[in-house]
Each structure stands twice: as C-alpha cells, then as structure tokens.
Amino acid sequence: MSEAKKVFYEKRGRRYYPVWEYDQELMDAFPKGSHLVMCYPGGRSTRYNIEPNHAAMIAAARVAEEAICSAIVKASEMKPSRTPLTPGQIKAWNKLKKEFGDDMFGLRGVSVRDCVEAGTKAMLDEANTLMSNPSVKKAWEQLVLVAELSK
C-alpha cells in the first residue's frame, strides 16, 4: 500500500508552506454496512446502509429519478377541475398558464423530488413487506441465483 497521507504545499516567495492534507483512506472510508455508490459525469451518489437484496431496485430507481421527475411535473401541471366550456374560459386558462409560466408547477406546493423519493421509499417498503413471506423470499433468491448464473 502506498503512503496514506499526502501533503500539498504552496510556494510563497522562496519557501513552501503546507496548505492541504489528503488522506485517501479517510476520504474513501465507509461506515459498517452495505452501501450503493453510483458515479456519473459531474458527481457521485452514495446511499448508505441499504438492504443488499434491494440494491438493483434502488439503483434502477436512482437512474430513473430524472425521468420520473419529468413525468410527475407534466402530470402535476394545474388543470381546471372541469373542461372549460366557453372559448372565453379556454382563453382565460391559457392566459393564466402563460402568465404563471414555470411557476404554474409550484402552485400546489409539492416538490417533485419529494414525490419521487416517497415513491421509491414506498416501493422499498412494499418489497420489504413482500420479502417477509418465505415463498416470495425463496423465489427472489432463486431469481438472483439464475441472474448470477447467466452472467
């Protein structure tokens, strides 16, 4: 193993002064448990203390979060409670949408991200409930085995 800590220096005049320490073992350390790390351009997402059986589901939900958010934004756009009946009502509604612009999506006061996270949590809770059934757990283990064997 290489040196654990690296010290970086800055030159001021003719002398070098330590300005920063980097400890790879400390920076990349994880607490005890199972964790899911996803790296993507410009960032990294880490979910701590996950149920190992749900790693694939959590990863799929994480990958789909942006698509889910877009779908929820579109679906949660304000709509009149009933179809406008007159051309004047249609014109007024379209003017309201134009005037509010992107603020139209926030009129209900819900966060799309919170909705997606709540949906993901509900999916995981349901999976935990289903896994309490011995038959479902055995079927899941067989599925995982077949998936591993097919790699």
C-alpha atoms as a PDB file:
ATOM      1  CA  MET A   1       0.000   0.000   0.000  1.00  0.00           C
ATOM      2  CA  SER A   2       1.241   3.465  -0.823  1.00  0.00           C
ATOM      3  CA  GLU A   3       1.600   6.396   1.511  1.00  0.00           C
ATOM      4  CA  ALA A   4      -1.732   7.063   3.239  1.00  0.00           C
ATOM      5  CA  LYS A   5      -1.469  10.843   3.574  1.00  0.00           C
ATOM      6  CA  LYS A   6      -0.253  13.343   1.029  1.00  0.00           C
ATOM      7  CA  VAL A   7       0.617  16.890   1.969  1.00  0.00           C
ATOM      8  CA  PHE A   8       0.307  19.583  -0.654  1.00  0.00           C
ATOM      9  CA  TYR A   9       2.424  22.719  -0.484  1.00  0.00           C
ATOM     10  CA  GLU A  10       2.113  26.237  -1.825  1.00  0.00           C
ATOM     11  CA  LYS A  11       5.127  28.333  -2.762  1.00  0.00           C
ATOM     12  CA  ARG A  12       5.184  31.784  -1.181  1.00  0.00           C
ATOM     13  CA  GLY A  13       8.230  33.709  -2.178  1.00  0.00           C
ATOM     14  CA  ARG A  14      11.166  31.294  -1.843  1.00  0.00           C
ATOM     15  CA  ARG A  15       9.531  28.994   0.750  1.00  0.00           C
ATOM     16  CA  TYR A  16       6.953  26.228   0.562  1.00  0.00           C
ATOM     17  CA  TYR A  17       4.121  26.057   3.117  1.00  0.00           C
ATOM     18  CA  PRO A  18       1.799  23.095   3.749  1.00  0.00           C
ATOM     19  CA  VAL A  19      -1.729  24.072   2.710  1.00  0.00           C
ATOM     20  CA  TRP A  20      -3.699  20.856   2.391  1.00  0.00           C
ATOM     21  CA  GLU A  21      -3.642  17.227   3.517  1.00  0.00           C
ATOM     22  CA  TYR A  22      -5.333  14.421   1.681  1.00  0.00           C
ATOM     23  CA  ASP A  23      -5.881  11.057   3.323  1.00  0.00           C
ATOM     24  CA  GLN A  24      -7.325   8.615   0.793  1.00  0.00           C
ATOM     25  CA  GLU A  25      -8.185   6.015   3.420  1.00  0.00           C
ATOM     26  CA  LEU A  26     -10.131   8.597   5.411  1.00  0.00           C
ATOM     27  CA  MET A  27     -11.821  10.235   2.423  1.00  0.00           C
ATOM     28  CA  ASP A  28     -12.941   6.965   0.843  1.00  0.00           C
ATOM     29  CA  ALA A  29     -13.903   5.211   4.081  1.00  0.00           C
ATOM     30  CA  PHE A  30     -17.397   3.827   4.580  1.00  0.00           C
ATOM     31  CA  PRO A  31     -19.169   3.048   7.834  1.00  0.00           C
ATOM     32  CA  LYS A  32     -20.107  -0.541   8.612  1.00  0.00           C
ATOM     33  CA  GLY A  33     -22.938  -1.830   6.408  1.00  0.00           C
ATOM     34  CA  SER A  34     -23.909  -2.216   2.764  1.00  0.00           C
ATOM     35  CA  HIS A  35     -23.711   0.881   0.569  1.00  0.00           C
ATOM     36  CA  LEU A  36     -24.564   1.711  -3.025  1.00  0.00           C
ATOM     37  CA  VAL A  37     -22.234   4.118  -4.846  1.00  0.00           C
ATOM     38  CA  MET A  38     -23.127   5.450  -8.285  1.00  0.00           C
ATOM     39  CA  CYS A  39     -20.678   7.600 -10.235  1.00  0.00           C
ATOM     40  CA  TYR A  40     -21.796   9.759 -13.128  1.00  0.00           C
ATOM     41  CA  PRO A  41     -20.329  12.703 -15.050  1.00  0.00           C
ATOM     42  CA  GLY A  42     -20.006  15.578 -12.645  1.00  0.00           C
ATOM     43  CA  GLY A  43     -20.850  13.763  -9.446  1.00  0.00           C
ATOM     44  CA  ARG A  44     -21.359  10.763  -7.251  1.00  0.00           C
ATOM     45  CA  SER A  45     -24.340   9.473  -5.282  1.00  0.00           C
ATOM     46  CA  THR A  46     -23.947   7.309  -2.182  1.00  0.00           C
ATOM     47  CA  ARG A  47     -26.782   5.537  -0.394  1.00  0.00           C
ATOM     48  CA  TYR A  48     -25.738   4.192   2.990  1.00  0.00           C
ATOM     49  CA  ASN A  49     -26.966   1.141   4.883  1.00  0.00           C
ATOM     50  CA  ILE A  50     -29.112  -0.339   2.142  1.00  0.00           C
ATOM     51  CA  GLU A  51     -30.649  -3.782   2.126  1.00  0.00           C
ATOM     52  CA  PRO A  52     -28.372  -5.789  -0.225  1.00  0.00           C
ATOM     53  CA  ASN A  53     -31.371  -7.552  -1.792  1.00  0.00           C
ATOM     54  CA  HIS A  54     -32.715  -4.160  -2.882  1.00  0.00           C
ATOM     55  CA  ALA A  55     -29.526  -2.797  -4.448  1.00  0.00           C
ATOM     56  CA  ALA A  56     -30.715  -3.386  -8.018  1.00  0.00           C
ATOM     57  CA  MET A  57     -34.084  -1.778  -7.319  1.00  0.00           C
ATOM     58  CA  ILE A  58     -32.511   1.257  -5.615  1.00  0.00           C
ATOM     59  CA  ALA A  59     -30.029   1.672  -8.465  1.00  0.00           C
ATOM     60  CA  ALA A  60     -32.812   1.436 -11.069  1.00  0.00           C
ATOM     61  CA  ALA A  61     -34.904   3.995  -9.164  1.00  0.00           C
ATOM     62  CA  ARG A  62     -31.880   6.319  -8.887  1.00  0.00           C
ATOM     63  CA  VAL A  63     -31.180   6.080 -12.605  1.00  0.00           C
ATOM     64  CA  ALA A  64     -34.849   6.742 -13.400  1.00  0.00           C
ATOM     65  CA  GLU A  65     -35.279   9.670 -10.950  1.00  0.00           C
ATOM     66  CA  GLU A  66     -34.948  12.391 -13.593  1.00  0.00           C
ATOM     67  CA  ALA A  67     -37.391  10.666 -15.957  1.00  0.00           C
ATOM     68  CA  ILE A  68     -39.812  10.131 -13.066  1.00  0.00           C
ATOM     69  CA  CYS A  69     -39.488  13.791 -12.041  1.00  0.00           C
ATOM     70  CA  SER A  70     -40.234  14.947 -15.585  1.00  0.00           C
ATOM     71  CA  ALA A  71     -43.286  12.691 -15.779  1.00  0.00           C
ATOM     72  CA  ILE A  72     -44.570  13.929 -12.407  1.00  0.00           C
ATOM     73  CA  VAL A  73     -44.037  17.587 -13.373  1.00  0.00           C
ATOM     74  CA  LYS A  74     -46.068  17.024 -16.532  1.00  0.00           C
ATOM     75  CA  ALA A  75     -48.758  15.076 -14.689  1.00  0.00           C
ATOM     76  CA  SER A  76     -48.999  17.595 -11.821  1.00  0.00           C
ATOM     77  CA  GLU A  77     -49.500  20.596 -14.072  1.00  0.00           C
ATOM     78  CA  MET A  78     -52.518  22.553 -12.906  1.00  0.00           C
ATOM     79  CA  LYS A  79     -55.677  21.647 -14.768  1.00  0.00           C
ATOM     80  CA  PRO A  80     -59.151  23.060 -14.421  1.00  0.00           C
ATOM     81  CA  SER A  81     -61.473  20.859 -12.361  1.00  0.00           C
ATOM     82  CA  ARG A  82     -63.763  20.556 -15.358  1.00  0.00           C
ATOM     83  CA  THR A  83     -63.262  21.081 -19.063  1.00  0.00           C
ATOM     84  CA  PRO A  84     -63.659  24.765 -19.973  1.00  0.00           C
ATOM     85  CA  LEU A  85     -66.932  25.194 -21.752  1.00  0.00           C
ATOM     86  CA  THR A  86     -66.629  28.524 -23.470  1.00  0.00           C
ATOM     87  CA  PRO A  87     -63.966  29.992 -25.733  1.00  0.00           C
ATOM     88  CA  GLY A  88     -63.550  32.788 -23.150  1.00  0.00           C
ATOM     89  CA  GLN A  89     -62.748  30.259 -20.406  1.00  0.00           C
ATOM     90  CA  ILE A  90     -60.232  28.500 -22.650  1.00  0.00           C
ATOM     91  CA  LYS A  91     -58.619  31.844 -23.486  1.00  0.00           C
ATOM     92  CA  ALA A  92     -58.506  32.830 -19.783  1.00  0.00           C
ATOM     93  CA  TRP A  93     -56.974  29.480 -18.793  1.00  0.00           C
ATOM     94  CA  ASN A  94     -54.296  29.707 -21.490  1.00  0.00           C
ATOM     95  CA  LYS A  95     -53.523  33.290 -20.386  1.00  0.00           C
ATOM     96  CA  LEU A  96     -53.177  32.096 -16.774  1.00  0.00           C
ATOM     97  CA  LYS A  97     -50.757  29.355 -17.869  1.00  0.00           C
ATOM     98  CA  LYS A  98     -48.773  31.868 -19.944  1.00  0.00           C
ATOM     99  CA  GLU A  99     -48.640  34.429 -17.106  1.00  0.00           C
ATOM    100  CA  PHE A 100     -47.544  31.900 -14.473  1.00  0.00           C
ATOM    101  CA  GLY A 101     -45.046  30.111 -16.747  1.00  0.00           C
ATOM    102  CA  ASP A 102     -42.869  27.676 -14.777  1.00  0.00           C
ATOM    103  CA  ASP A 103     -44.464  28.888 -11.528  1.00  0.00           C
ATOM    104  CA  MET A 104     -47.588  27.051 -12.640  1.00  0.00           C
ATOM    105  CA  PHE A 105     -45.947  23.813 -11.467  1.00  0.00           C
ATOM    106  CA  GLY A 106     -45.353  25.089  -7.948  1.00  0.00           C
ATOM    107  CA  LEU A 107     -48.878  26.265  -7.187  1.00  0.00           C
ATOM    108  CA  ARG A 108     -49.697  23.052  -5.348  1.00  0.00           C
ATOM    109  CA  GLY A 109     -46.664  23.355  -3.094  1.00  0.00           C
ATOM    110  CA  VAL A 110     -45.291  19.845  -3.648  1.00  0.00           C
ATOM    111  CA  SER A 111     -41.717  19.042  -4.565  1.00  0.00           C
ATOM    112  CA  VAL A 112     -41.343  16.638  -7.455  1.00  0.00           C
ATOM    113  CA  ARG A 113     -38.146  15.286  -5.904  1.00  0.00           C
ATOM    114  CA  ASP A 114     -40.005  14.585  -2.641  1.00  0.00           C
ATOM    115  CA  CYS A 115     -42.712  12.766  -4.589  1.00  0.00           C
ATOM    116  CA  VAL A 116     -40.136  10.586  -6.359  1.00  0.00           C
ATOM    117  CA  GLU A 117     -38.325   9.818  -3.115  1.00  0.00           C
ATOM    118  CA  ALA A 118     -41.639   8.972  -1.450  1.00  0.00           C
ATOM    119  CA  GLY A 119     -42.470   6.663  -4.365  1.00  0.00           C
ATOM    120  CA  THR A 120     -39.083   4.975  -4.134  1.00  0.00           C
ATOM    121  CA  LYS A 121     -39.480   4.567  -0.374  1.00  0.00           C
ATOM    122  CA  ALA A 122     -42.957   3.081  -0.851  1.00  0.00           C
ATOM    123  CA  MET A 123     -41.529   0.659  -3.421  1.00  0.00           C
ATOM    124  CA  LEU A 124     -38.814  -0.422  -0.978  1.00  0.00           C
ATOM    125  CA  ASP A 125     -41.285  -0.720   1.910  1.00  0.00           C
ATOM    126  CA  GLU A 126     -43.514  -2.900  -0.244  1.00  0.00           C
ATOM    127  CA  ALA A 127     -40.520  -5.030  -1.219  1.00  0.00           C
ATOM    128  CA  ASN A 128     -39.643  -5.433   2.478  1.00  0.00           C
ATOM    129  CA  THR A 129     -43.222  -6.462   3.230  1.00  0.00           C
ATOM    130  CA  LEU A 130     -43.205  -8.975   0.396  1.00  0.00           C
ATOM    131  CA  MET A 131     -39.830 -10.349   1.492  1.00  0.00           C
ATOM    132  CA  SER A 132     -41.334 -11.263   4.863  1.00  0.00           C
ATOM    133  CA  ASN A 133     -43.234 -14.020   3.040  1.00  0.00           C
ATOM    134  CA  PRO A 134     -40.947 -17.109   2.928  1.00  0.00           C
ATOM    135  CA  SER A 135     -42.196 -18.142  -0.544  1.00  0.00           C
ATOM    136  CA  VAL A 136     -41.512 -14.716  -2.028  1.00  0.00           C
ATOM    137  CA  LYS A 137     -38.071 -14.627  -0.390  1.00  0.00           C
ATOM    138  CA  LYS A 138     -37.212 -18.063  -1.797  1.00  0.00           C
ATOM    139  CA  ALA A 139     -38.426 -17.038  -5.280  1.00  0.00           C
ATOM    140  CA  TRP A 140     -36.283 -13.868  -5.056  1.00  0.00           C
ATOM    141  CA  GLU A 141     -33.222 -15.874  -4.052  1.00  0.00           C
ATOM    142  CA  GLN A 142     -33.808 -18.235  -6.996  1.00  0.00           C
ATOM    143  CA  LEU A 143     -34.127 -15.252  -9.349  1.00  0.00           C
ATOM    144  CA  VAL A 144     -30.860 -13.805  -8.057  1.00  0.00           C
ATOM    145  CA  LEU A 145     -29.188 -17.193  -8.468  1.00  0.00           C
ATOM    146  CA  VAL A 146     -30.394 -17.535 -12.073  1.00  0.00           C
ATOM    147  CA  ALA A 147     -29.253 -13.955 -12.792  1.00  0.00           C
ATOM    148  CA  GLU A 148     -25.796 -14.691 -11.344  1.00  0.00           C
ATOM    149  CA  LEU A 149     -25.536 -17.935 -13.292  1.00  0.00           C
ATOM    150  CA  SER A 150     -26.486 -16.214 -16.542  1.00  0.00           C
ATOM    151  CA  LYS A 151     -23.671 -13.630 -16.272  1.00  0.00           C
END
